[in-house]
Amino acid sequence: MAAAVNQLHGFKPLAYPPRCHPLSVSHLDCKMLELSQSKFNITCIHRSSSTPCLSYNSSKAEDDFDFPQTPRIEIIVGHTLPQVHALVVEVAGAMATSGVDLERAPSGLGGAYFLHARTGGTIAVAKPVDEEPLAINNPKGFGGRMLGQPGMKSSIRIGETGARESAAYLLDHGGFSGVPPTALVKLSHFNFDLLKSGSGSDSNPSYKIASLQRFVNHDSDAGDLGPSSFSVTSVHHIGILDVRLMNLDRHAGNLLVRQENESYGRGKAELVPIDHGFCLPECLDNPYFEWQHWPQASLPFSAAESDYISSLDPFKDAELLRTHIPSIRESSIRVLVLCTIFLKHAAAYGLCLVDIGEMMTREFLGGKEHCSSLENLCETARASLNMGLNDNDDHIAETDEMLVPRVFKNKNHHKAGGLIRSVSSPAPYNPNSQSISFGDMGNEEWHSFLETFQQLLPEAFEERTSLGLAKHRLRTSCAF
């Protein structure tokens, strides 16, 4: 749908004129732009506190973006989600009545803007895809690359974090982890900070593609408080989402804290996860989970959490992404499927978030980055397919001693030196490392791979349990 404010439909131009002319993002994946199936113009908005009335008008919806001084907003991804629709209507209503002011967020490496209603209150946060870190219009000096090139994370391309922000909300079933309503939208004639392209910039369409997320009132972020202030439920729920999506960048700054005065320091503060642009990488990458170093992550899942994990269907989630966000590549969707299967089996085996997070995270030993247990598992499963072993379980068992040592029986990982890891920062990211991708697999090979992968999980979990006991004995035998 498109919600628009257009002076040709009886509205006067807003009091403030546009002061910038965004560059065209025509090289953005065209599949994104095909998602807006139903288009609306706001032709009658009552100036009251009631919900604006939308009337259907499918004519010249795209052409209206070419009119100067016509602030507009159109949903690209998320038009079927009620809370997303409500967010866009609220923004459009503010545009049509009092107006909307933008304030650039001072933190972060990319361009992010708070949308303030002139009557008071912050409505949403917008992040233009062409202002991402390293993108060509980045306003903070970290730009220069075109959309579609490798970004801050080599497994996530520039210009594609907005779609991933929307995917995180779409996959947060029932608001389990508390991701705020998020959409991918087209915004025109807002006061974004732009870098002029040089020639012909004024003739380019004055709009930007951006992720739009509802602003959440909060007291601080997780970096301002110790982890003892956070509820176990919040930590677990966010951790479950991060594992499913293989979040590469879950740090304290993108966990907002909401608390009551009496909750301070008592483990009652609730966390709200934001900034999911570095989820769903195109290959297995090195995730970073801030909660991995918090005591709540060492506690077992509750019955309700276990039930939620058990109810997850990775193949339905995959179809959800293919249907609603087709710009997300199949290789990223398969990472979602793999990580969800891994989470479900690990939780059923009795592993906690710390165990799961450490099995997914690469180790940094002796100045070198080592593959995670999850990566080693995938390499072993793929090797067994290449050797034609996936159709014979007995054969797999017989050759287990040949395949497993490089994965589960690497004694270097059991030495005390291998147990000491930095908890202040993630393992260094190595852009030259050979990451595992599943995008080149045919469907039959992919499903055979998953079957073999699941056969290897019980022994991997048993190895993890033994390692956990060894860590416990090491910690309790040392005097700190």
Protein backbone atom coordinates (compact mmCIF):
# COMPACT_ATOMS: atom_id res chain seq x y z
CA MET A 1 0.00 0.00 0.00
CA ALA A 2 1.03 3.64 -0.22
CA ALA A 3 0.01 6.30 2.19
CA ALA A 4 0.66 9.70 0.72
CA VAL A 5 0.25 13.39 1.32
CA ASN A 6 -0.23 15.13 -2.03
CA GLN A 7 -0.91 18.79 -2.66
CA LEU A 8 -2.91 17.85 -5.77
CA HIS A 9 -5.54 16.24 -3.55
CA GLY A 10 -6.49 19.35 -1.64
CA PHE A 11 -3.57 19.74 0.76
CA LYS A 12 -1.42 22.79 1.06
CA PRO A 13 2.34 22.24 0.95
CA LEU A 14 3.93 21.77 4.35
CA ALA A 15 5.43 24.87 5.91
CA TYR A 16 9.00 23.65 5.46
CA PRO A 17 10.33 23.01 1.93
CA PRO A 18 12.56 20.09 1.12
CA ARG A 19 16.21 21.01 1.36
CA CYS A 20 17.72 18.02 -0.39
CA HIS A 21 17.31 15.90 -3.48
CA PRO A 22 18.11 12.25 -2.78
CA LEU A 23 19.94 10.20 -5.34
CA SER A 24 18.04 7.51 -7.15
CA VAL A 25 18.39 3.99 -5.80
CA SER A 26 17.39 2.42 -9.07
CA HIS A 27 20.09 -0.22 -8.69
CA LEU A 28 18.32 -1.55 -5.58
CA ASP A 29 16.94 -5.07 -6.02
CA CYS A 30 13.83 -4.55 -8.13
CA LYS A 31 12.05 -7.37 -6.31
CA MET A 32 11.66 -5.03 -3.34
CA LEU A 33 9.65 -2.61 -5.41
CA GLU A 34 7.31 -5.30 -6.71
CA LEU A 35 5.88 -5.99 -3.28
CA SER A 36 3.59 -2.98 -3.04
CA GLN A 37 0.46 -4.57 -4.49
CA SER A 38 -2.25 -2.25 -3.21
CA LYS A 39 -1.72 1.51 -3.28
CA PHE A 40 -3.55 4.20 -1.34
CA ASN A 41 -3.45 7.97 -1.29
CA ILE A 42 -4.58 9.94 1.72
CA THR A 43 -7.27 12.10 0.15
CA CYS A 44 -9.19 13.00 3.26
CA ILE A 45 -7.58 13.26 6.69
CA HIS A 46 -9.70 14.71 9.46
CA ARG A 47 -7.69 17.00 11.69
CA SER A 48 -8.56 15.21 14.89
CA SER A 49 -7.12 12.57 17.15
CA SER A 50 -8.96 9.83 15.31
CA THR A 51 -7.30 7.48 12.85
CA PRO A 52 -6.82 9.06 9.39
CA CYS A 53 -9.21 7.81 6.72
CA LEU A 54 -7.62 6.18 3.70
CA SER A 55 -9.39 6.20 0.38
CA TYR A 56 -8.35 3.96 -2.49
CA ASN A 57 -6.71 5.59 -5.47
CA SER A 58 -4.50 3.38 -7.63
CA SER A 59 -3.85 5.93 -10.41
CA LYS A 60 -0.45 7.56 -10.81
CA ALA A 61 0.81 6.26 -7.46
CA GLU A 62 4.38 6.10 -8.74
CA ASP A 63 4.07 9.33 -10.72
CA ASP A 64 3.06 11.25 -7.61
CA PHE A 65 6.58 10.75 -6.29
CA ASP A 66 7.87 13.00 -9.03
CA PHE A 67 5.97 16.06 -7.82
CA PRO A 68 8.27 18.38 -5.86
CA GLN A 69 7.52 19.30 -2.26
CA THR A 70 5.16 16.37 -1.79
CA PRO A 71 6.13 14.35 1.27
CA ARG A 72 5.04 10.75 0.83
CA ILE A 73 5.48 7.39 2.43
CA GLU A 74 4.85 4.02 0.78
CA ILE A 75 5.20 0.53 2.24
CA ILE A 76 7.44 -1.79 0.26
CA VAL A 77 7.78 -4.66 2.76
CA GLY A 78 5.29 -5.22 5.57
CA HIS A 79 2.01 -4.03 4.06
CA THR A 80 0.16 -7.14 5.35
CA LEU A 81 1.19 -6.61 8.98
CA PRO A 82 -1.38 -4.65 11.04
CA GLN A 83 1.11 -2.93 13.35
CA VAL A 84 3.24 -1.87 10.40
CA HIS A 85 0.15 -0.47 8.69
CA ALA A 86 -0.72 1.44 11.88
CA LEU A 87 2.81 2.87 12.09
CA VAL A 88 2.76 4.14 8.51
CA VAL A 89 -0.72 5.62 8.95
CA GLU A 90 0.51 7.47 12.04
CA VAL A 91 3.50 8.87 10.15
CA ALA A 92 1.32 9.84 7.19
CA GLY A 93 -1.21 11.47 9.50
CA ALA A 94 1.49 13.56 11.13
CA MET A 95 2.80 14.55 7.71
CA ALA A 96 -0.64 15.72 6.62
CA THR A 97 -1.54 17.66 9.75
CA SER A 98 1.23 19.14 11.85
CA GLY A 99 4.21 17.91 9.84
CA VAL A 100 7.20 15.73 10.68
CA ASP A 101 10.70 16.85 11.61
CA LEU A 102 13.79 14.69 11.22
CA GLU A 103 16.70 14.56 13.64
CA ARG A 104 19.81 12.66 12.73
CA ALA A 105 20.91 10.14 15.36
CA PRO A 106 24.41 11.05 16.55
CA SER A 107 25.52 7.46 17.23
CA GLY A 108 26.25 4.68 14.79
CA LEU A 109 28.19 4.50 11.55
CA GLY A 110 25.19 4.86 9.24
CA GLY A 111 22.52 7.47 8.64
CA ALA A 112 19.59 7.09 11.05
CA TYR A 113 16.86 9.66 11.66
CA PHE A 114 14.27 10.16 14.36
CA LEU A 115 10.86 11.17 12.99
CA HIS A 116 9.33 13.69 15.39
CA ALA A 117 5.72 14.78 15.14
CA ARG A 118 5.54 18.56 15.42
CA THR A 119 2.77 18.19 17.97
CA GLY A 120 5.24 16.35 20.20
CA GLY A 121 6.62 12.86 20.54
CA THR A 122 8.90 10.68 18.46
CA ILE A 123 7.12 8.31 16.12
CA ALA A 124 9.77 6.21 14.38
CA VAL A 125 13.38 5.77 13.31
CA ALA A 126 14.25 5.72 9.59
CA LYS A 127 17.46 4.30 8.12
CA PRO A 128 17.98 4.98 4.40
CA VAL A 129 19.61 2.04 2.64
CA ASP A 130 21.96 4.33 0.69
CA GLU A 131 23.31 5.78 3.95
CA GLU A 132 24.37 2.49 5.50
CA PRO A 133 27.97 2.13 6.63
CA LEU A 134 30.20 2.08 3.51
CA ALA A 135 27.24 3.03 1.25
CA ILE A 136 27.72 5.81 -1.27
CA ASN A 137 25.58 8.41 0.55
CA ASN A 138 26.77 7.66 4.09
CA PRO A 139 26.67 11.03 5.90
CA LYS A 140 29.35 10.19 8.49
CA GLY A 141 32.34 9.70 6.28
CA PHE A 142 32.14 5.91 6.01
CA GLY A 143 30.97 5.69 2.41
CA GLY A 144 32.07 5.12 -1.14
CA ARG A 145 30.70 1.75 -2.19
CA MET A 146 27.72 1.01 -4.37
CA LEU A 147 24.66 -0.93 -3.24
CA GLY A 148 25.09 -4.67 -3.60
CA GLN A 149 28.79 -4.70 -2.77
CA PRO A 150 30.09 -6.41 0.41
CA GLY A 151 29.45 -4.28 3.47
CA MET A 152 30.73 -4.10 7.03
CA LYS A 153 30.08 -7.83 7.13
CA SER A 154 31.20 -9.55 3.94
CA SER A 155 28.22 -11.92 4.15
CA ILE A 156 25.72 -9.00 4.08
CA ARG A 157 25.62 -6.64 1.11
CA ILE A 158 25.33 -2.88 1.24
CA GLY A 159 21.75 -1.72 0.84
CA GLU A 160 20.22 -4.97 2.12
CA THR A 161 20.15 -4.39 5.87
CA GLY A 162 16.73 -2.72 5.67
CA ALA A 163 15.13 -5.89 4.32
CA ARG A 164 16.72 -7.83 7.18
CA GLU A 165 15.31 -5.37 9.71
CA SER A 166 11.86 -6.14 8.31
CA ALA A 167 12.59 -9.87 8.31
CA ALA A 168 13.43 -9.83 12.03
CA TYR A 169 10.01 -8.35 12.83
CA LEU A 170 8.25 -10.72 10.43
CA LEU A 171 9.92 -13.76 12.04
CA ASP A 172 9.33 -12.62 15.62
CA HIS A 173 6.14 -14.65 15.87
CA GLY A 174 3.61 -13.19 18.29
CA GLY A 175 6.11 -10.56 19.40
CA PHE A 176 7.93 -13.24 21.39
CA SER A 177 11.25 -11.36 21.44
CA GLY A 178 9.77 -7.86 21.35
CA VAL A 179 11.09 -6.58 18.02
CA PRO A 180 9.34 -3.22 17.37
CA PRO A 181 7.13 -2.99 14.25
CA THR A 182 9.44 -2.56 11.27
CA ALA A 183 8.86 -2.03 7.54
CA LEU A 184 10.79 -1.23 4.41
CA VAL A 185 9.35 1.97 2.98
CA LYS A 186 9.84 4.59 0.29
CA LEU A 187 10.10 8.12 1.72
CA SER A 188 10.06 11.27 -0.40
CA HIS A 189 11.07 14.84 0.37
CA PHE A 190 12.30 14.46 3.88
CA ASN A 191 15.27 16.44 5.09
CA PHE A 192 17.82 13.62 4.87
CA ASP A 193 21.49 14.47 4.90
CA LEU A 194 22.63 13.76 1.36
CA LEU A 195 25.86 13.65 -0.53
CA LYS A 196 25.40 15.26 -3.94
CA SER A 197 26.24 12.99 -6.82
CA GLY A 198 27.74 15.88 -8.78
CA SER A 199 25.91 16.00 -12.09
CA GLY A 200 22.21 15.63 -12.54
CA SER A 201 21.42 15.00 -8.89
CA ASP A 202 18.53 17.45 -8.92
CA SER A 203 16.84 15.53 -11.72
CA ASN A 204 16.84 12.25 -9.82
CA PRO A 205 13.63 11.12 -8.09
CA SER A 206 13.45 12.73 -4.67
CA TYR A 207 12.86 9.64 -2.59
CA LYS A 208 14.75 7.13 -0.53
CA ILE A 209 14.27 3.51 0.40
CA ALA A 210 14.59 3.11 4.17
CA SER A 211 13.77 0.81 7.02
CA LEU A 212 11.18 2.35 9.31
CA GLN A 213 10.88 1.14 12.90
CA ARG A 214 8.53 2.35 15.60
CA PHE A 215 10.37 4.37 18.24
CA VAL A 216 10.43 2.72 21.66
CA ASN A 217 10.50 4.89 24.76
CA HIS A 218 13.28 3.59 26.97
CA ASP A 219 15.43 4.52 29.94
CA SER A 220 18.86 3.53 28.60
CA ASP A 221 20.57 0.77 26.69
CA ALA A 222 22.13 -2.37 28.09
CA GLY A 223 25.58 -0.82 28.09
CA ASP A 224 24.55 1.57 30.88
CA LEU A 225 23.56 -1.18 33.32
CA GLY A 226 25.00 -4.42 34.58
CA PRO A 227 23.39 -7.64 33.34
CA SER A 228 22.02 -8.36 36.81
CA SER A 229 19.36 -5.73 36.11
CA PHE A 230 17.81 -7.66 33.22
CA SER A 231 15.06 -10.24 33.47
CA VAL A 232 15.92 -13.82 32.57
CA THR A 233 12.90 -13.94 30.26
CA SER A 234 14.06 -10.95 28.19
CA VAL A 235 17.57 -12.35 27.80
CA HIS A 236 16.28 -15.78 26.78
CA HIS A 237 13.70 -14.46 24.33
CA ILE A 238 16.21 -12.20 22.58
CA GLY A 239 18.83 -14.95 22.56
CA ILE A 240 16.42 -17.35 20.87
CA LEU A 241 15.78 -14.80 18.11
CA ASP A 242 19.49 -14.08 17.65
CA VAL A 243 20.34 -17.77 17.30
CA ARG A 244 17.57 -18.35 14.73
CA LEU A 245 18.65 -15.38 12.62
CA MET A 246 22.41 -15.78 13.27
CA ASN A 247 22.74 -12.19 14.44
CA LEU A 248 26.27 -10.99 13.72
CA ASP A 249 25.98 -7.85 15.82
CA ARG A 250 24.04 -8.23 19.06
CA HIS A 251 25.80 -5.79 21.34
CA ALA A 252 24.70 -3.82 24.39
CA GLY A 253 23.97 -0.69 22.35
CA ASN A 254 21.13 -2.31 20.39
CA LEU A 255 19.35 -3.62 23.47
CA LEU A 256 17.08 -0.91 24.89
CA VAL A 257 16.21 -1.05 28.58
CA ARG A 258 12.76 -0.31 29.95
CA GLN A 259 12.39 -0.44 33.71
CA GLU A 260 10.34 0.83 36.58
CA ASN A 261 12.04 2.72 39.39
CA GLU A 262 11.77 -0.20 41.79
CA SER A 263 13.18 -2.63 39.24
CA TYR A 264 16.69 -1.18 39.18
CA GLY A 265 19.28 -3.82 40.00
CA ARG A 266 16.67 -6.46 40.76
CA GLY A 267 16.68 -8.38 37.52
CA LYS A 268 13.30 -7.02 36.40
CA ALA A 269 14.25 -4.63 33.61
CA GLU A 270 12.91 -5.60 30.19
CA LEU A 271 15.04 -5.49 27.06
CA VAL A 272 13.87 -4.40 23.61
CA PRO A 273 15.98 -5.63 20.66
CA ILE A 274 16.62 -3.23 17.77
CA ASP A 275 19.05 -2.97 14.81
CA HIS A 276 18.73 -6.32 13.05
CA GLY A 277 20.40 -5.35 9.79
CA PHE A 278 23.25 -7.80 10.37
CA CYS A 279 21.04 -10.87 10.66
CA LEU A 280 20.51 -13.63 8.07
CA PRO A 281 23.98 -13.60 6.49
CA GLU A 282 24.44 -15.24 3.09
CA CYS A 283 26.82 -17.81 4.59
CA LEU A 284 27.82 -19.08 8.01
CA ASP A 285 29.63 -16.18 9.63
CA ASN A 286 30.95 -15.35 13.07
CA PRO A 287 28.03 -14.10 15.19
CA TYR A 288 28.41 -11.93 18.24
CA PHE A 289 25.99 -12.38 21.12
CA GLU A 290 26.44 -9.93 24.00
CA TRP A 291 24.15 -12.05 26.18
CA GLN A 292 26.57 -14.97 25.83
CA HIS A 293 28.57 -13.43 28.67
CA TRP A 294 25.60 -12.84 30.98
CA PRO A 295 24.59 -15.21 33.79
CA GLN A 296 20.98 -15.44 32.57
CA ALA A 297 22.19 -17.28 29.45
CA SER A 298 23.54 -20.11 31.62
CA LEU A 299 20.09 -20.85 33.04
CA PRO A 300 17.94 -23.53 31.37
CA PHE A 301 15.00 -22.59 29.19
CA SER A 302 11.62 -22.38 30.88
CA ALA A 303 8.79 -24.69 29.88
CA ALA A 304 7.14 -21.87 27.90
CA GLU A 305 10.39 -21.08 26.09
CA SER A 306 10.97 -24.74 25.28
CA ASP A 307 7.43 -24.97 23.91
CA TYR A 308 8.02 -21.92 21.72
CA ILE A 309 11.26 -23.35 20.34
CA SER A 310 9.57 -26.68 19.71
CA SER A 311 6.77 -24.94 17.80
CA LEU A 312 9.14 -23.22 15.37
CA ASP A 313 8.92 -24.49 11.81
CA PRO A 314 12.03 -23.48 9.85
CA PHE A 315 10.50 -24.44 6.51
CA LYS A 316 7.40 -22.34 7.10
CA ASP A 317 9.62 -19.45 8.10
CA ALA A 318 11.58 -19.93 4.89
CA GLU A 319 8.38 -19.70 2.83
CA LEU A 320 7.37 -16.62 4.81
CA LEU A 321 10.55 -14.86 3.72
CA ARG A 322 10.27 -16.04 0.12
CA THR A 323 6.70 -14.73 -0.05
CA HIS A 324 7.00 -11.42 1.77
CA ILE A 325 10.66 -10.42 1.28
CA PRO A 326 11.82 -12.03 -1.96
CA SER A 327 14.87 -9.75 -2.08
CA ILE A 328 16.47 -11.89 0.63
CA ARG A 329 18.59 -14.48 -1.13
CA GLU A 330 18.05 -18.21 -0.83
CA SER A 331 21.48 -18.64 0.76
CA SER A 332 20.37 -16.43 3.68
CA ILE A 333 17.07 -18.29 3.99
CA ARG A 334 18.97 -21.56 4.27
CA VAL A 335 21.08 -20.12 7.08
CA LEU A 336 17.80 -19.40 8.89
CA VAL A 337 16.63 -22.99 8.34
CA LEU A 338 19.92 -24.47 9.53
CA CYS A 339 20.17 -22.28 12.65
CA THR A 340 16.54 -22.95 13.61
CA ILE A 341 17.08 -26.71 13.30
CA PHE A 342 20.26 -26.39 15.35
CA LEU A 343 18.41 -24.42 18.05
CA LYS A 344 15.52 -26.89 18.21
CA HIS A 345 17.78 -29.91 18.60
CA ALA A 346 20.06 -28.16 21.10
CA ALA A 347 17.16 -27.06 23.29
CA ALA A 348 15.61 -30.52 23.16
CA TYR A 349 18.96 -31.99 24.23
CA GLY A 350 19.00 -29.65 27.25
CA LEU A 351 21.64 -27.13 26.21
CA CYS A 352 21.31 -23.55 27.42
CA LEU A 353 21.95 -20.33 25.52
CA VAL A 354 25.61 -20.18 26.54
CA ASP A 355 26.22 -23.66 25.13
CA ILE A 356 24.41 -22.83 21.91
CA GLY A 357 26.12 -19.46 21.49
CA GLU A 358 29.60 -20.89 22.04
CA MET A 359 28.99 -23.66 19.52
CA MET A 360 28.04 -21.04 16.92
CA THR A 361 30.90 -18.64 17.65
CA ARG A 362 34.41 -18.94 16.26
CA GLU A 363 37.31 -19.23 18.67
CA PHE A 364 40.35 -17.01 18.54
CA LEU A 365 43.37 -19.03 19.67
CA GLY A 366 47.05 -18.45 19.14
CA GLY A 367 46.41 -15.34 17.09
CA LYS A 368 44.23 -17.24 14.62
CA GLU A 369 40.50 -17.56 14.12
CA HIS A 370 39.21 -21.12 14.31
CA CYS A 371 35.99 -22.47 12.86
CA SER A 372 33.04 -22.79 15.20
CA SER A 373 31.58 -26.15 16.15
CA LEU A 374 28.60 -25.36 13.93
CA GLU A 375 30.86 -24.70 10.96
CA ASN A 376 32.80 -27.91 11.60
CA LEU A 377 29.54 -29.83 11.76
CA CYS A 378 28.46 -28.43 8.41
CA GLU A 379 31.83 -29.22 6.83
CA THR A 380 31.58 -32.81 8.06
CA ALA A 381 28.01 -33.19 6.82
CA ARG A 382 28.96 -31.84 3.40
CA ALA A 383 32.03 -34.11 3.27
CA SER A 384 29.86 -37.13 3.97
CA LEU A 385 27.56 -36.13 1.09
CA ASN A 386 30.50 -35.80 -1.25
CA MET A 387 31.63 -39.30 -0.27
CA GLY A 388 28.15 -40.70 -0.88
CA LEU A 389 27.59 -41.69 2.73
CA ASN A 390 24.32 -39.92 3.45
CA ASP A 391 22.13 -42.84 2.28
CA ASN A 392 23.73 -45.45 4.57
CA ASP A 393 23.57 -44.81 8.29
CA ASP A 394 25.69 -47.86 9.10
CA HIS A 395 28.35 -46.65 6.71
CA ILE A 396 28.36 -43.26 8.42
CA ALA A 397 28.84 -44.97 11.77
CA GLU A 398 31.69 -47.10 10.45
CA THR A 399 33.54 -44.08 9.05
CA ASP A 400 32.79 -41.92 12.04
CA GLU A 401 36.35 -42.14 13.33
CA MET A 402 37.55 -40.78 10.01
CA LEU A 403 35.13 -37.83 9.83
CA VAL A 404 34.66 -36.80 13.43
CA PRO A 405 38.19 -36.22 14.77
CA ARG A 406 38.64 -32.89 12.97
CA VAL A 407 35.26 -31.75 14.33
CA PHE A 408 34.68 -33.10 17.82
CA LYS A 409 37.97 -34.61 18.95
CA ASN A 410 40.34 -31.73 18.50
CA LYS A 411 42.13 -31.92 21.81
CA ASN A 412 43.46 -28.40 21.45
CA HIS A 413 39.97 -27.12 22.20
CA HIS A 414 39.95 -29.03 25.51
CA LYS A 415 43.11 -27.53 26.94
CA ALA A 416 42.78 -24.96 29.66
CA GLY A 417 44.32 -22.36 27.38
CA GLY A 418 41.44 -22.82 24.95
CA LEU A 419 38.91 -22.06 27.66
CA ILE A 420 40.11 -18.54 28.32
CA ARG A 421 38.39 -16.13 25.95
CA SER A 422 37.83 -12.42 25.96
CA VAL A 423 34.37 -11.48 27.14
CA SER A 424 34.75 -7.81 26.35
CA SER A 425 34.66 -8.00 22.57
CA PRO A 426 33.85 -10.48 19.81
CA ALA A 427 36.49 -12.56 18.09
CA PRO A 428 38.19 -10.56 15.32
CA TYR A 429 36.46 -10.85 12.00
CA ASN A 430 38.63 -12.29 9.24
CA PRO A 431 37.34 -11.17 5.81
CA ASN A 432 39.63 -13.67 4.10
CA SER A 433 38.24 -16.72 5.87
CA GLN A 434 36.46 -19.34 3.79
CA SER A 435 32.84 -19.22 4.94
CA ILE A 436 30.33 -21.97 4.32
CA SER A 437 27.48 -21.13 1.97
CA PHE A 438 24.49 -23.27 1.01
CA GLY A 439 23.29 -21.23 -1.95
CA ASP A 440 24.97 -23.48 -4.51
CA MET A 441 23.18 -26.64 -3.34
CA GLY A 442 20.29 -28.10 -5.30
CA ASN A 443 17.12 -28.85 -3.38
CA GLU A 444 17.79 -32.58 -3.16
CA GLU A 445 21.36 -32.04 -2.01
CA TRP A 446 20.20 -29.43 0.51
CA HIS A 447 17.68 -31.77 2.14
CA SER A 448 20.19 -34.64 2.18
CA PHE A 449 22.68 -32.30 3.82
CA LEU A 450 20.14 -31.38 6.52
CA GLU A 451 19.44 -35.04 7.25
CA THR A 452 23.13 -35.80 7.66
CA PHE A 453 23.63 -32.64 9.73
CA GLN A 454 20.93 -33.74 12.17
CA GLN A 455 22.48 -37.20 12.48
CA LEU A 456 25.73 -35.61 13.65
CA LEU A 457 24.12 -33.36 16.27
CA PRO A 458 23.75 -35.82 19.21
CA GLU A 459 27.49 -36.53 19.38
CA ALA A 460 28.27 -32.83 19.01
CA PHE A 461 25.96 -32.01 21.92
CA GLU A 462 27.49 -34.78 24.01
CA GLU A 463 30.92 -33.32 23.30
CA ARG A 464 29.65 -29.89 24.28
CA THR A 465 28.22 -31.24 27.54
CA SER A 466 31.56 -32.84 28.41
CA LEU A 467 33.37 -29.60 27.64
CA GLY A 468 30.93 -27.70 29.84
CA LEU A 469 31.66 -30.01 32.77
CA ALA A 470 35.38 -29.53 32.23
CA LYS A 471 34.93 -25.76 32.32
CA HIS A 472 32.91 -26.01 35.50
CA ARG A 473 35.62 -28.07 37.22
CA LEU A 474 38.28 -25.59 36.05
CA ARG A 475 36.39 -22.59 37.39
CA THR A 476 35.57 -24.17 40.76
CA SER A 477 39.19 -25.32 41.27
CA CYS A 478 40.67 -21.84 40.76
CA ALA A 479 40.91 -19.06 43.30
CA PHE A 480 39.87 -15.71 41.86
